[in-house]
Amino acid sequence: PLRLTLRPAMVLEALLQAKGRFVSRTALQEN
């Protein structure tokens, strides 16, 4: 297990979903 609290985990999810593409700071914040 990689121990993460909820919001860092949500950021990780958004980055992985992008499959190597850049995700803007605004998009991460809106998520």
PDB file of all heavy atoms in Angstrom:
ATOM      1  N   PRO A   1       0.815  -1.219   0.000  1.00  0.00           N
ATOM      2  CA  PRO A   1       0.000   0.000   0.000  1.00  0.00           C
ATOM      3  C   PRO A   1       0.849   1.270   0.000  1.00  0.00           C
ATOM      4  O   PRO A   1       1.886   1.337   0.673  1.00  0.00           O
ATOM      5  CB  PRO A   1      -0.799  -0.105   1.311  1.00  0.00           C
ATOM      6  CG  PRO A   1      -0.770  -1.548   1.672  1.00  0.00           C
ATOM      7  CD  PRO A   1       0.546  -2.079   1.165  1.00  0.00           C
ATOM      8  N   LEU A   2       0.422   2.237  -0.791  1.00  0.00           N
ATOM      9  CA  LEU A   2       1.029   3.566  -0.796  1.00  0.00           C
ATOM     10  C   LEU A   2       0.119   4.450   0.046  1.00  0.00           C
ATOM     11  O   LEU A   2      -1.018   4.733  -0.335  1.00  0.00           O
ATOM     12  CB  LEU A   2       1.126   4.095  -2.224  1.00  0.00           C
ATOM     13  CG  LEU A   2       1.955   5.358  -2.455  1.00  0.00           C
ATOM     14  CD1 LEU A   2       3.426   5.096  -2.170  1.00  0.00           C
ATOM     15  CD2 LEU A   2       1.771   5.862  -3.885  1.00  0.00           C
ATOM     16  N   ARG A   3       0.598   4.863   1.190  1.00  0.00           N
ATOM     17  CA  ARG A   3      -0.257   5.546   2.150  1.00  0.00           C
ATOM     18  C   ARG A   3      -0.444   7.009   1.727  1.00  0.00           C
ATOM     19  O   ARG A   3       0.491   7.809   1.789  1.00  0.00           O
ATOM     20  CB  ARG A   3       0.313   5.456   3.555  1.00  0.00           C
ATOM     21  CG  ARG A   3       0.498   4.005   3.999  1.00  0.00           C
ATOM     22  CD  ARG A   3       0.768   3.871   5.473  1.00  0.00           C
ATOM     23  NE  ARG A   3       1.031   2.497   5.836  1.00  0.00           N
ATOM     24  CZ  ARG A   3       0.086   1.563   6.005  1.00  0.00           C
ATOM     25  NH1 ARG A   3      -1.178   1.892   5.826  1.00  0.00           N
ATOM     26  NH2 ARG A   3       0.413   0.333   6.335  1.00  0.00           N
ATOM     27  N   LEU A   4      -1.675   7.316   1.298  1.00  0.00           N
ATOM     28  CA  LEU A   4      -2.016   8.667   0.857  1.00  0.00           C
ATOM     29  C   LEU A   4      -3.325   9.086   1.507  1.00  0.00           C
ATOM     30  O   LEU A   4      -4.246   8.275   1.653  1.00  0.00           O
ATOM     31  CB  LEU A   4      -2.192   8.715  -0.669  1.00  0.00           C
ATOM     32  CG  LEU A   4      -0.987   8.357  -1.539  1.00  0.00           C
ATOM     33  CD1 LEU A   4      -1.418   8.267  -2.991  1.00  0.00           C
ATOM     34  CD2 LEU A   4       0.128   9.382  -1.377  1.00  0.00           C
ATOM     35  N   THR A   5      -3.419  10.361   1.879  1.00  0.00           N
ATOM     36  CA  THR A   5      -4.708  10.888   2.310  1.00  0.00           C
ATOM     37  C   THR A   5      -5.565  11.153   1.073  1.00  0.00           C
ATOM     38  O   THR A   5      -5.104  11.041  -0.073  1.00  0.00           O
ATOM     39  CB  THR A   5      -4.528  12.172   3.144  1.00  0.00           C
ATOM     40  OG1 THR A   5      -3.753  13.114   2.389  1.00  0.00           O
ATOM     41  CG2 THR A   5      -3.817  11.866   4.462  1.00  0.00           C
ATOM     42  N   LEU A   6      -6.821  11.515   1.286  1.00  0.00           N
ATOM     43  CA  LEU A   6      -7.799  11.524   0.201  1.00  0.00           C
ATOM     44  C   LEU A   6      -7.428  12.456  -0.946  1.00  0.00           C
ATOM     45  O   LEU A   6      -7.409  12.048  -2.116  1.00  0.00           O
ATOM     46  CB  LEU A   6      -9.179  11.898   0.748  1.00  0.00           C
ATOM     47  CG  LEU A   6     -10.304  11.948  -0.285  1.00  0.00           C
ATOM     48  CD1 LEU A   6     -10.464  10.612  -0.989  1.00  0.00           C
ATOM     49  CD2 LEU A   6     -11.605  12.363   0.384  1.00  0.00           C
ATOM     50  N   ARG A   7      -7.103  13.705  -0.654  1.00  0.00           N
ATOM     51  CA  ARG A   7      -6.896  14.649  -1.749  1.00  0.00           C
ATOM     52  C   ARG A   7      -5.629  14.371  -2.558  1.00  0.00           C
ATOM     53  O   ARG A   7      -5.658  14.445  -3.787  1.00  0.00           O
ATOM     54  CB  ARG A   7      -6.963  16.079  -1.233  1.00  0.00           C
ATOM     55  CG  ARG A   7      -8.411  16.519  -1.009  1.00  0.00           C
ATOM     56  CD  ARG A   7      -8.548  17.950  -0.612  1.00  0.00           C
ATOM     57  NE  ARG A   7      -9.925  18.407  -0.813  1.00  0.00           N
ATOM     58  CZ  ARG A   7     -10.377  19.597  -0.437  1.00  0.00           C
ATOM     59  NH1 ARG A   7      -9.561  20.453   0.163  1.00  0.00           N
ATOM     60  NH2 ARG A   7     -11.628  19.933  -0.672  1.00  0.00           N
ATOM     61  N   PRO A   8      -4.499  14.042  -1.936  1.00  0.00           N
ATOM     62  CA  PRO A   8      -3.374  13.601  -2.762  1.00  0.00           C
ATOM     63  C   PRO A   8      -3.716  12.382  -3.617  1.00  0.00           C
ATOM     64  O   PRO A   8      -3.251  12.271  -4.754  1.00  0.00           O
ATOM     65  CB  PRO A   8      -2.284  13.281  -1.734  1.00  0.00           C
ATOM     66  CG  PRO A   8      -2.593  14.187  -0.585  1.00  0.00           C
ATOM     67  CD  PRO A   8      -4.083  14.213  -0.522  1.00  0.00           C
ATOM     68  N   ALA A   9      -4.527  11.478  -3.086  1.00  0.00           N
ATOM     69  CA  ALA A   9      -4.949  10.319  -3.873  1.00  0.00           C
ATOM     70  C   ALA A   9      -5.786  10.751  -5.074  1.00  0.00           C
ATOM     71  O   ALA A   9      -5.659  10.189  -6.172  1.00  0.00           O
ATOM     72  CB  ALA A   9      -5.739   9.348  -2.999  1.00  0.00           C
ATOM     73  N   MET A  10      -6.625  11.765  -4.908  1.00  0.00           N
ATOM     74  CA  MET A  10      -7.438  12.261  -6.015  1.00  0.00           C
ATOM     75  C   MET A  10      -6.567  12.931  -7.079  1.00  0.00           C
ATOM     76  O   MET A  10      -6.837  12.820  -8.282  1.00  0.00           O
ATOM     77  CB  MET A  10      -8.490  13.229  -5.489  1.00  0.00           C
ATOM     78  CG  MET A  10      -9.544  12.556  -4.630  1.00  0.00           C
ATOM     79  SD  MET A  10     -10.619  13.748  -3.788  1.00  0.00           S
ATOM     80  CE  MET A  10     -11.512  14.446  -5.187  1.00  0.00           C
ATOM     81  N   VAL A  11      -5.518  13.627  -6.648  1.00  0.00           N
ATOM     82  CA  VAL A  11      -4.581  14.229  -7.604  1.00  0.00           C
ATOM     83  C   VAL A  11      -3.870  13.123  -8.380  1.00  0.00           C
ATOM     84  O   VAL A  11      -3.733  13.192  -9.611  1.00  0.00           O
ATOM     85  CB  VAL A  11      -3.566  15.131  -6.883  1.00  0.00           C
ATOM     86  CG1 VAL A  11      -2.459  15.573  -7.838  1.00  0.00           C
ATOM     87  CG2 VAL A  11      -4.263  16.354  -6.300  1.00  0.00           C
ATOM     88  N   LEU A  12      -3.428  12.078  -7.688  1.00  0.00           N
ATOM     89  CA  LEU A  12      -2.774  10.956  -8.350  1.00  0.00           C
ATOM     90  C   LEU A  12      -3.713  10.315  -9.367  1.00  0.00           C
ATOM     91  O   LEU A  12      -3.297   9.988 -10.491  1.00  0.00           O
ATOM     92  CB  LEU A  12      -2.327   9.922  -7.311  1.00  0.00           C
ATOM     93  CG  LEU A  12      -1.684   8.646  -7.862  1.00  0.00           C
ATOM     94  CD1 LEU A  12      -0.422   8.972  -8.666  1.00  0.00           C
ATOM     95  CD2 LEU A  12      -1.360   7.684  -6.726  1.00  0.00           C
ATOM     96  N   GLU A  13      -4.959  10.138  -9.004  1.00  0.00           N
ATOM     97  CA  GLU A  13      -5.936   9.549  -9.925  1.00  0.00           C
ATOM     98  C   GLU A  13      -6.056  10.385 -11.204  1.00  0.00           C
ATOM     99  O   GLU A  13      -6.047   9.854 -12.315  1.00  0.00           O
ATOM    100  CB  GLU A  13      -7.296   9.452  -9.244  1.00  0.00           C
ATOM    101  CG  GLU A  13      -8.389   8.852 -10.127  1.00  0.00           C
ATOM    102  CD  GLU A  13      -9.721   8.790  -9.412  1.00  0.00           C
ATOM    103  OE1 GLU A  13      -9.962   9.601  -8.489  1.00  0.00           O
ATOM    104  OE2 GLU A  13     -10.540   7.930  -9.772  1.00  0.00           O
ATOM    105  N   ALA A  14      -6.160  11.709 -11.057  1.00  0.00           N
ATOM    106  CA  ALA A  14      -6.295  12.584 -12.222  1.00  0.00           C
ATOM    107  C   ALA A  14      -5.061  12.504 -13.116  1.00  0.00           C
ATOM    108  O   ALA A  14      -5.165  12.495 -14.349  1.00  0.00           O
ATOM    109  CB  ALA A  14      -6.530  14.019 -11.768  1.00  0.00           C
ATOM    110  N   LEU A  15      -3.880  12.440 -12.527  1.00  0.00           N
ATOM    111  CA  LEU A  15      -2.651  12.348 -13.311  1.00  0.00           C
ATOM    112  C   LEU A  15      -2.567  11.016 -14.055  1.00  0.00           C
ATOM    113  O   LEU A  15      -2.165  10.971 -15.233  1.00  0.00           O
ATOM    114  CB  LEU A  15      -1.435  12.527 -12.405  1.00  0.00           C
ATOM    115  CG  LEU A  15      -1.262  13.901 -11.751  1.00  0.00           C
ATOM    116  CD1 LEU A  15      -0.073  13.880 -10.795  1.00  0.00           C
ATOM    117  CD2 LEU A  15      -1.087  14.997 -12.790  1.00  0.00           C
ATOM    118  N   LEU A  16      -2.944   9.933 -13.387  1.00  0.00           N
ATOM    119  CA  LEU A  16      -2.902   8.628 -14.042  1.00  0.00           C
ATOM    120  C   LEU A  16      -3.932   8.537 -15.162  1.00  0.00           C
ATOM    121  O   LEU A  16      -3.673   7.925 -16.210  1.00  0.00           O
ATOM    122  CB  LEU A  16      -3.130   7.520 -13.013  1.00  0.00           C
ATOM    123  CG  LEU A  16      -1.983   7.275 -12.027  1.00  0.00           C
ATOM    124  CD1 LEU A  16      -2.431   6.329 -10.923  1.00  0.00           C
ATOM    125  CD2 LEU A  16      -0.761   6.720 -12.748  1.00  0.00           C
ATOM    126  N   GLN A  17      -5.096   9.129 -14.961  1.00  0.00           N
ATOM    127  CA  GLN A  17      -6.121   9.110 -16.003  1.00  0.00           C
ATOM    128  C   GLN A  17      -5.662   9.845 -17.261  1.00  0.00           C
ATOM    129  O   GLN A  17      -6.094   9.511 -18.370  1.00  0.00           O
ATOM    130  CB  GLN A  17      -7.418   9.746 -15.485  1.00  0.00           C
ATOM    131  CG  GLN A  17      -8.172   8.868 -14.501  1.00  0.00           C
ATOM    132  CD  GLN A  17      -9.373   9.577 -13.907  1.00  0.00           C
ATOM    133  OE1 GLN A  17      -9.441  10.810 -13.887  1.00  0.00           O
ATOM    134  NE2 GLN A  17     -10.324   8.819 -13.403  1.00  0.00           N
ATOM    135  N   ALA A  18      -4.791  10.821 -17.099  1.00  0.00           N
ATOM    136  CA  ALA A  18      -4.305  11.598 -18.249  1.00  0.00           C
ATOM    137  C   ALA A  18      -3.301  10.826 -19.099  1.00  0.00           C
ATOM    138  O   ALA A  18      -2.977  11.254 -20.210  1.00  0.00           O
ATOM    139  CB  ALA A  18      -3.680  12.897 -17.767  1.00  0.00           C
ATOM    140  N   LYS A  19      -2.784   9.712 -18.607  1.00  0.00           N
ATOM    141  CA  LYS A  19      -1.908   8.819 -19.368  1.00  0.00           C
ATOM    142  C   LYS A  19      -0.711   9.548 -19.984  1.00  0.00           C
ATOM    143  O   LYS A  19      -0.443   9.451 -21.182  1.00  0.00           O
ATOM    144  CB  LYS A  19      -2.706   8.099 -20.454  1.00  0.00           C
ATOM    145  CG  LYS A  19      -3.809   7.215 -19.898  1.00  0.00           C
ATOM    146  CD  LYS A  19      -4.578   6.522 -20.989  1.00  0.00           C
ATOM    147  CE  LYS A  19      -5.663   5.633 -20.390  1.00  0.00           C
ATOM    148  NZ  LYS A  19      -6.464   4.943 -21.438  1.00  0.00           N
ATOM    149  N   GLY A  20       0.001  10.291 -19.151  1.00  0.00           N
ATOM    150  CA  GLY A  20       1.218  10.950 -19.597  1.00  0.00           C
ATOM    151  C   GLY A  20       1.036  12.344 -20.142  1.00  0.00           C
ATOM    152  O   GLY A  20       2.012  13.041 -20.408  1.00  0.00           O
ATOM    153  N   ARG A  21      -0.216  12.779 -20.315  1.00  0.00           N
ATOM    154  CA  ARG A  21      -0.464  14.143 -20.776  1.00  0.00           C
ATOM    155  C   ARG A  21      -0.433  15.092 -19.583  1.00  0.00           C
ATOM    156  O   ARG A  21      -0.658  14.691 -18.440  1.00  0.00           O
ATOM    157  CB  ARG A  21      -1.819  14.246 -21.485  1.00  0.00           C
ATOM    158  CG  ARG A  21      -1.933  13.361 -22.716  1.00  0.00           C
ATOM    159  CD  ARG A  21      -3.242  13.619 -23.443  1.00  0.00           C
ATOM    160  NE  ARG A  21      -4.397  13.374 -22.599  1.00  0.00           N
ATOM    161  CZ  ARG A  21      -4.973  12.195 -22.446  1.00  0.00           C
ATOM    162  NH1 ARG A  21      -4.494  11.131 -23.069  1.00  0.00           N
ATOM    163  NH2 ARG A  21      -6.024  12.057 -21.661  1.00  0.00           N
ATOM    164  N   PHE A  22      -0.165  16.356 -19.855  1.00  0.00           N
ATOM    165  CA  PHE A  22      -0.169  17.353 -18.799  1.00  0.00           C
ATOM    166  C   PHE A  22      -1.599  17.625 -18.340  1.00  0.00           C
ATOM    167  O   PHE A  22      -2.539  17.664 -19.147  1.00  0.00           O
ATOM    168  CB  PHE A  22       0.457  18.664 -19.288  1.00  0.00           C
ATOM    169  CG  PHE A  22       1.957  18.645 -19.327  1.00  0.00           C
ATOM    170  CD1 PHE A  22       2.637  18.491 -20.526  1.00  0.00           C
ATOM    171  CD2 PHE A  22       2.695  18.771 -18.160  1.00  0.00           C
ATOM    172  CE1 PHE A  22       4.015  18.467 -20.561  1.00  0.00           C
ATOM    173  CE2 PHE A  22       4.083  18.753 -18.182  1.00  0.00           C
ATOM    174  CZ  PHE A  22       4.750  18.600 -19.388  1.00  0.00           C
ATOM    175  N   VAL A  23      -1.740  17.812 -17.040  1.00  0.00           N
ATOM    176  CA  VAL A  23      -3.008  18.224 -16.444  1.00  0.00           C
ATOM    177  C   VAL A  23      -2.772  19.581 -15.800  1.00  0.00           C
ATOM    178  O   VAL A  23      -1.880  19.726 -14.965  1.00  0.00           O
ATOM    179  CB  VAL A  23      -3.500  17.212 -15.386  1.00  0.00           C
ATOM    180  CG1 VAL A  23      -4.862  17.638 -14.844  1.00  0.00           C
ATOM    181  CG2 VAL A  23      -3.566  15.807 -15.965  1.00  0.00           C
ATOM    182  N   SER A  24      -3.545  20.564 -16.181  1.00  0.00           N
ATOM    183  CA  SER A  24      -3.320  21.912 -15.667  1.00  0.00           C
ATOM    184  C   SER A  24      -3.631  21.997 -14.180  1.00  0.00           C
ATOM    185  O   SER A  24      -4.436  21.216 -13.647  1.00  0.00           O
ATOM    186  CB  SER A  24      -4.169  22.927 -16.430  1.00  0.00           C
ATOM    187  OG  SER A  24      -5.536  22.776 -16.108  1.00  0.00           O
ATOM    188  N   ARG A  25      -3.014  22.961 -13.539  1.00  0.00           N
ATOM    189  CA  ARG A  25      -3.287  23.198 -12.124  1.00  0.00           C
ATOM    190  C   ARG A  25      -4.767  23.509 -11.928  1.00  0.00           C
ATOM    191  O   ARG A  25      -5.385  23.054 -10.962  1.00  0.00           O
ATOM    192  CB  ARG A  25      -2.428  24.366 -11.622  1.00  0.00           C
ATOM    193  CG  ARG A  25      -2.607  24.684 -10.151  1.00  0.00           C
ATOM    194  CD  ARG A  25      -1.772  25.895  -9.764  1.00  0.00           C
ATOM    195  NE  ARG A  25      -1.914  26.203  -8.361  1.00  0.00           N
ATOM    196  CZ  ARG A  25      -2.945  26.876  -7.846  1.00  0.00           C
ATOM    197  NH1 ARG A  25      -3.931  27.287  -8.624  1.00  0.00           N
ATOM    198  NH2 ARG A  25      -2.986  27.127  -6.551  1.00  0.00           N
ATOM    199  N   THR A  26      -5.346  24.280 -12.850  1.00  0.00           N
ATOM    200  CA  THR A  26      -6.772  24.629 -12.745  1.00  0.00           C
ATOM    201  C   THR A  26      -7.637  23.386 -12.806  1.00  0.00           C
ATOM    202  O   THR A  26      -8.592  23.240 -12.039  1.00  0.00           O
ATOM    203  CB  THR A  26      -7.162  25.597 -13.869  1.00  0.00           C
ATOM    204  OG1 THR A  26      -6.393  26.797 -13.744  1.00  0.00           O
ATOM    205  CG2 THR A  26      -8.643  25.948 -13.793  1.00  0.00           C
ATOM    206  N   ALA A  27      -7.312  22.464 -13.727  1.00  0.00           N
ATOM    207  CA  ALA A  27      -8.091  21.236 -13.846  1.00  0.00           C
ATOM    208  C   ALA A  27      -7.990  20.393 -12.579  1.00  0.00           C
ATOM    209  O   ALA A  27      -8.985  19.822 -12.122  1.00  0.00           O
ATOM    210  CB  ALA A  27      -7.624  20.437 -15.056  1.00  0.00           C
ATOM    211  N   LEU A  28      -6.798  20.308 -12.003  1.00  0.00           N
ATOM    212  CA  LEU A  28      -6.642  19.566 -10.753  1.00  0.00           C
ATOM    213  C   LEU A  28      -7.456  20.204  -9.637  1.00  0.00           C
ATOM    214  O   LEU A  28      -8.114  19.516  -8.850  1.00  0.00           O
ATOM    215  CB  LEU A  28      -5.168  19.510 -10.354  1.00  0.00           C
ATOM    216  CG  LEU A  28      -4.256  18.645 -11.228  1.00  0.00           C
ATOM    217  CD1 LEU A  28      -2.808  18.822 -10.799  1.00  0.00           C
ATOM    218  CD2 LEU A  28      -4.654  17.174 -11.143  1.00  0.00           C
ATOM    219  N   GLN A  29      -7.435  21.518  -9.578  1.00  0.00           N
ATOM    220  CA  GLN A  29      -8.165  22.220  -8.531  1.00  0.00           C
ATOM    221  C   GLN A  29      -9.669  22.024  -8.693  1.00  0.00           C
ATOM    222  O   GLN A  29     -10.377  21.781  -7.716  1.00  0.00           O
ATOM    223  CB  GLN A  29      -7.821  23.713  -8.571  1.00  0.00           C
ATOM    224  CG  GLN A  29      -8.348  24.491  -7.374  1.00  0.00           C
ATOM    225  CD  GLN A  29      -7.664  25.835  -7.230  1.00  0.00           C
ATOM    226  OE1 GLN A  29      -6.684  26.127  -7.906  1.00  0.00           O
ATOM    227  NE2 GLN A  29      -8.175  26.648  -6.344  1.00  0.00           N
ATOM    228  N   GLU A  30     -10.161  22.096  -9.929  1.00  0.00           N
ATOM    229  CA  GLU A  30     -11.589  21.909 -10.171  1.00  0.00           C
ATOM    230  C   GLU A  30     -12.028  20.493  -9.820  1.00  0.00           C
ATOM    231  O   GLU A  30     -13.163  20.271  -9.410  1.00  0.00           O
ATOM    232  CB  GLU A  30     -11.920  22.210 -11.627  1.00  0.00           C
ATOM    233  CG  GLU A  30     -11.865  23.692 -11.968  1.00  0.00           C
ATOM    234  CD  GLU A  30     -12.156  23.964 -13.435  1.00  0.00           C
ATOM    235  OE1 GLU A  30     -12.224  22.974 -14.215  1.00  0.00           O
ATOM    236  OE2 GLU A  30     -12.295  25.142 -13.803  1.00  0.00           O
ATOM    237  N   ASN A  31     -11.113  19.536  -9.971  1.00  0.00           N
ATOM    238  CA  ASN A  31     -11.432  18.152  -9.643  1.00  0.00           C
ATOM    239  C   ASN A  31     -11.626  17.944  -8.149  1.00  0.00           C
ATOM    240  O   ASN A  31     -12.284  16.980  -7.731  1.00  0.00           O
ATOM    241  CB  ASN A  31     -10.312  17.232 -10.141  1.00  0.00           C
ATOM    242  CG  ASN A  31     -10.717  15.783 -10.201  1.00  0.00           C
ATOM    243  OD1 ASN A  31     -11.759  15.446 -10.751  1.00  0.00           O
ATOM    244  ND2 ASN A  31      -9.895  14.917  -9.638  1.00  0.00           N
TER     245      ASN A  31
END
